[in-house]
N, C-alpha and C. Protein backbone atom coordinates (compact mmCIF):
# COMPACT_ATOMS: atom_id res chain seq x y z
N MET A 1 5.84 -14.82 27.70
CA MET A 1 5.72 -15.11 26.40
C MET A 1 6.96 -15.30 25.58
N GLU A 2 7.02 -16.53 24.94
CA GLU A 2 8.28 -17.04 24.39
C GLU A 2 8.54 -16.16 23.15
N ALA A 3 9.78 -16.43 22.73
CA ALA A 3 10.38 -15.42 21.65
C ALA A 3 9.59 -15.82 20.51
N ASN A 4 9.14 -16.96 20.10
CA ASN A 4 8.36 -17.46 18.72
C ASN A 4 7.13 -16.54 18.70
N ALA A 5 6.62 -16.43 20.08
CA ALA A 5 5.07 -15.62 20.07
C ALA A 5 5.26 -14.35 19.69
N LEU A 6 6.47 -13.53 20.47
CA LEU A 6 6.81 -12.27 20.23
C LEU A 6 7.14 -11.88 18.60
N GLY A 7 7.62 -12.71 18.06
CA GLY A 7 8.10 -12.90 16.69
C GLY A 7 6.65 -12.75 15.64
N TYR A 8 5.67 -13.49 16.05
CA TYR A 8 4.45 -13.80 15.53
C TYR A 8 3.60 -12.56 15.43
N LEU A 9 3.71 -11.99 16.77
CA LEU A 9 2.86 -10.65 17.17
C LEU A 9 3.46 -9.71 16.51
N SER A 10 4.77 -9.36 16.59
CA SER A 10 5.42 -8.46 15.71
C SER A 10 5.34 -8.32 13.98
N ALA A 11 5.31 -9.72 13.60
CA ALA A 11 5.10 -9.82 12.02
C ALA A 11 3.48 -9.71 11.83
N GLY A 12 2.73 -9.68 12.65
CA GLY A 12 1.26 -9.42 12.50
C GLY A 12 1.09 -7.89 12.69
N ILE A 13 1.88 -7.47 13.65
CA ILE A 13 1.46 -6.00 13.72
C ILE A 13 2.06 -5.24 12.76
N GLY A 14 3.40 -5.51 12.05
CA GLY A 14 4.13 -5.08 10.98
C GLY A 14 3.16 -4.99 9.72
N ALA A 15 2.62 -6.51 9.30
CA ALA A 15 1.75 -6.73 8.23
C ALA A 15 0.64 -5.49 8.39
N GLY A 16 -0.14 -5.57 9.39
CA GLY A 16 -1.11 -4.53 9.40
C GLY A 16 -0.98 -3.32 9.50
N LEU A 17 0.18 -2.63 9.84
CA LEU A 17 0.75 -1.27 9.46
C LEU A 17 0.98 -1.27 8.16
N VAL A 18 1.56 -2.01 7.39
CA VAL A 18 1.83 -2.05 5.84
C VAL A 18 0.75 -1.80 5.07
N VAL A 19 -0.40 -2.68 5.33
CA VAL A 19 -1.66 -2.71 4.71
C VAL A 19 -2.46 -1.32 4.97
N ILE A 20 -2.29 -0.68 6.40
CA ILE A 20 -3.04 0.47 6.44
C ILE A 20 -2.14 1.63 5.58
N GLY A 21 -0.82 1.66 5.73
CA GLY A 21 -0.41 2.64 5.00
C GLY A 21 -0.77 2.39 3.47
N ALA A 22 -0.55 1.22 2.96
CA ALA A 22 -1.07 1.08 1.58
C ALA A 22 -2.47 1.77 1.21
N GLY A 23 -3.13 1.41 2.07
CA GLY A 23 -4.49 1.95 1.94
C GLY A 23 -4.71 3.22 2.07
N LEU A 24 -4.06 4.03 3.12
CA LEU A 24 -4.20 5.43 2.93
C LEU A 24 -3.55 6.20 1.81
N GLY A 25 -2.46 5.30 1.34
CA GLY A 25 -1.70 5.91 0.12
C GLY A 25 -2.14 5.92 -1.05
N ILE A 26 -3.16 4.75 -1.09
CA ILE A 26 -3.92 4.59 -2.40
C ILE A 26 -5.26 5.47 -2.32
N GLY A 27 -5.94 5.69 -1.32
CA GLY A 27 -6.93 6.37 -1.12
C GLY A 27 -6.59 8.01 -1.30
N LYS A 28 -5.29 8.45 -1.03
CA LYS A 28 -4.75 9.93 -1.21
C LYS A 28 -4.87 9.95 -2.69
N LEU A 29 -3.98 9.03 -3.09
CA LEU A 29 -3.87 9.08 -4.84
C LEU A 29 -5.07 8.99 -5.53
N ALA A 30 -6.23 8.17 -5.28
CA ALA A 30 -7.52 8.24 -5.82
C ALA A 30 -8.07 9.70 -5.79
N ALA A 31 -7.93 9.99 -4.47
CA ALA A 31 -8.68 11.35 -4.30
C ALA A 31 -8.21 12.31 -5.12
N ALA A 32 -6.92 12.71 -5.03
CA ALA A 32 -6.15 13.87 -5.95
C ALA A 32 -6.41 13.34 -7.54
N ALA A 33 -6.61 12.35 -7.83
CA ALA A 33 -6.81 12.01 -9.24
C ALA A 33 -8.02 12.46 -9.77
N MET A 34 -9.11 12.06 -8.75
CA MET A 34 -10.27 12.41 -9.02
C MET A 34 -10.60 13.93 -8.96
N GLU A 35 -10.18 14.57 -8.21
CA GLU A 35 -9.78 16.07 -8.12
C GLU A 35 -9.30 16.91 -9.57
N ALA A 36 -8.27 16.14 -9.92
CA ALA A 36 -7.44 16.79 -11.27
C ALA A 36 -8.52 16.21 -12.47
N THR A 37 -9.05 15.24 -12.53
CA THR A 37 -10.17 14.85 -13.50
C THR A 37 -11.39 15.95 -13.49
N GLY A 38 -11.82 16.22 -12.22
CA GLY A 38 -12.75 17.12 -12.08
C GLY A 38 -12.65 18.47 -12.54
N ARG A 39 -11.20 19.01 -12.31
CA ARG A 39 -10.97 20.17 -12.63
C ARG A 39 -10.40 20.40 -13.99
N GLN A 40 -9.99 19.22 -14.85
CA GLN A 40 -9.69 19.25 -16.33
C GLN A 40 -9.95 18.12 -16.98
N PRO A 41 -11.21 17.77 -17.31
CA PRO A 41 -11.70 16.57 -17.85
C PRO A 41 -11.04 16.06 -19.02
N GLU A 42 -10.51 17.11 -19.74
CA GLU A 42 -9.87 16.54 -21.15
C GLU A 42 -8.45 15.73 -20.80
N VAL A 43 -8.12 15.88 -19.67
CA VAL A 43 -6.84 14.67 -19.31
C VAL A 43 -7.16 13.78 -18.53
N ALA A 44 -8.38 13.52 -18.46
CA ALA A 44 -8.67 12.40 -17.46
C ALA A 44 -7.90 10.91 -18.00
N GLY A 45 -7.77 10.76 -19.22
CA GLY A 45 -6.92 9.58 -19.57
C GLY A 45 -5.59 9.52 -19.10
N GLN A 46 -4.68 10.93 -19.17
CA GLN A 46 -3.50 10.73 -18.64
C GLN A 46 -3.54 10.52 -17.01
N VAL A 47 -4.63 11.27 -16.34
CA VAL A 47 -4.34 11.30 -15.06
C VAL A 47 -4.58 9.65 -14.64
N ARG A 48 -5.67 9.14 -15.14
CA ARG A 48 -5.96 7.61 -15.03
C ARG A 48 -4.69 6.96 -14.91
N THR A 49 -3.80 6.92 -16.10
CA THR A 49 -2.52 6.19 -16.37
C THR A 49 -1.65 6.57 -15.22
N ALA A 50 -1.49 7.70 -15.09
CA ALA A 50 -0.56 8.05 -13.77
C ALA A 50 -1.06 7.48 -12.72
N MET A 51 -2.26 7.36 -12.41
CA MET A 51 -2.82 6.86 -11.22
C MET A 51 -2.55 5.46 -10.99
N ILE A 52 -2.94 4.86 -12.07
CA ILE A 52 -2.34 3.14 -12.16
C ILE A 52 -1.29 3.05 -12.12
N ILE A 53 -0.17 3.73 -12.61
CA ILE A 53 1.12 3.07 -12.24
C ILE A 53 1.52 3.56 -10.79
N ALA A 54 1.14 4.80 -10.52
CA ALA A 54 1.49 4.98 -9.22
C ALA A 54 0.87 4.10 -7.96
N ALA A 55 -0.53 3.57 -8.31
CA ALA A 55 -1.01 2.51 -7.54
C ALA A 55 -0.33 1.33 -7.57
N ALA A 56 0.22 0.87 -8.83
CA ALA A 56 1.00 -0.46 -8.94
C ALA A 56 2.15 -0.42 -8.01
N LEU A 57 3.03 0.79 -7.96
CA LEU A 57 3.93 0.81 -7.22
C LEU A 57 3.89 0.80 -5.75
N ILE A 58 2.85 1.62 -5.32
CA ILE A 58 2.47 1.34 -3.95
C ILE A 58 2.02 0.10 -3.59
N GLU A 59 1.44 -0.96 -4.51
CA GLU A 59 1.01 -2.38 -3.96
C GLU A 59 2.45 -3.19 -4.08
N GLY A 60 3.28 -2.77 -5.09
CA GLY A 60 4.64 -3.38 -5.10
C GLY A 60 5.21 -3.41 -3.58
N ALA A 61 5.32 -2.00 -3.26
CA ALA A 61 6.22 -2.10 -2.07
C ALA A 61 5.14 -2.70 -0.97
N THR A 62 3.81 -2.54 -0.92
CA THR A 62 3.01 -3.48 0.07
C THR A 62 3.53 -4.75 -0.13
N PHE A 63 3.60 -5.22 -1.36
CA PHE A 63 3.66 -6.91 -1.07
C PHE A 63 5.10 -7.31 -0.59
N PHE A 64 5.89 -6.37 -0.82
CA PHE A 64 7.39 -6.41 -0.50
C PHE A 64 7.33 -6.43 1.26
N GLY A 65 6.80 -5.54 1.63
CA GLY A 65 6.59 -5.52 3.02
C GLY A 65 6.00 -6.73 3.79
N LEU A 66 4.91 -6.97 3.24
CA LEU A 66 4.06 -8.00 3.64
C LEU A 66 5.00 -9.57 3.54
N ALA A 67 5.83 -9.67 2.35
CA ALA A 67 6.65 -10.63 2.28
C ALA A 67 7.68 -10.78 3.42
N ILE A 68 8.29 -9.60 3.65
CA ILE A 68 9.34 -9.45 4.81
C ILE A 68 8.63 -9.91 6.19
N CYS A 69 7.31 -9.40 6.36
CA CYS A 69 6.74 -9.77 7.51
C CYS A 69 6.54 -11.53 7.67
N ILE A 70 6.13 -11.92 6.55
CA ILE A 70 5.82 -13.20 6.67
C ILE A 70 7.14 -14.26 6.76
N ILE A 71 8.44 -13.70 6.15
CA ILE A 71 9.65 -14.25 6.24
C ILE A 71 9.93 -14.22 7.95
N LEU A 72 9.87 -13.08 8.15
CA LEU A 72 10.21 -12.86 9.60
C LEU A 72 9.54 -13.83 10.58
N ALA A 73 8.19 -13.87 10.30
CA ALA A 73 7.33 -14.88 11.18
C ALA A 73 7.50 -16.42 11.20
N SER A 74 8.19 -16.93 9.96
CA SER A 74 8.40 -18.13 9.68
C SER A 74 9.85 -18.53 10.01
N LYS A 75 10.74 -17.50 10.52
CA LYS A 75 12.00 -17.79 11.11
C LYS A 75 12.01 -18.38 12.37
């Protein structure tokens, strides 16, 4: 295998791990938010707002990780 092929393979595996981690994180976040809303329905708006902010931060970190993988693959 050439060095370029290993770089592409590594970037692909890295991108996959980033997306899997983000999916698990957002899934856990949503499950906790639904449980909190079920326990105290009167604070559903506050929980939803906090969940959206946390999900946006997770997505931002995911996009950063994917950008790094793409940059490394094109090097």
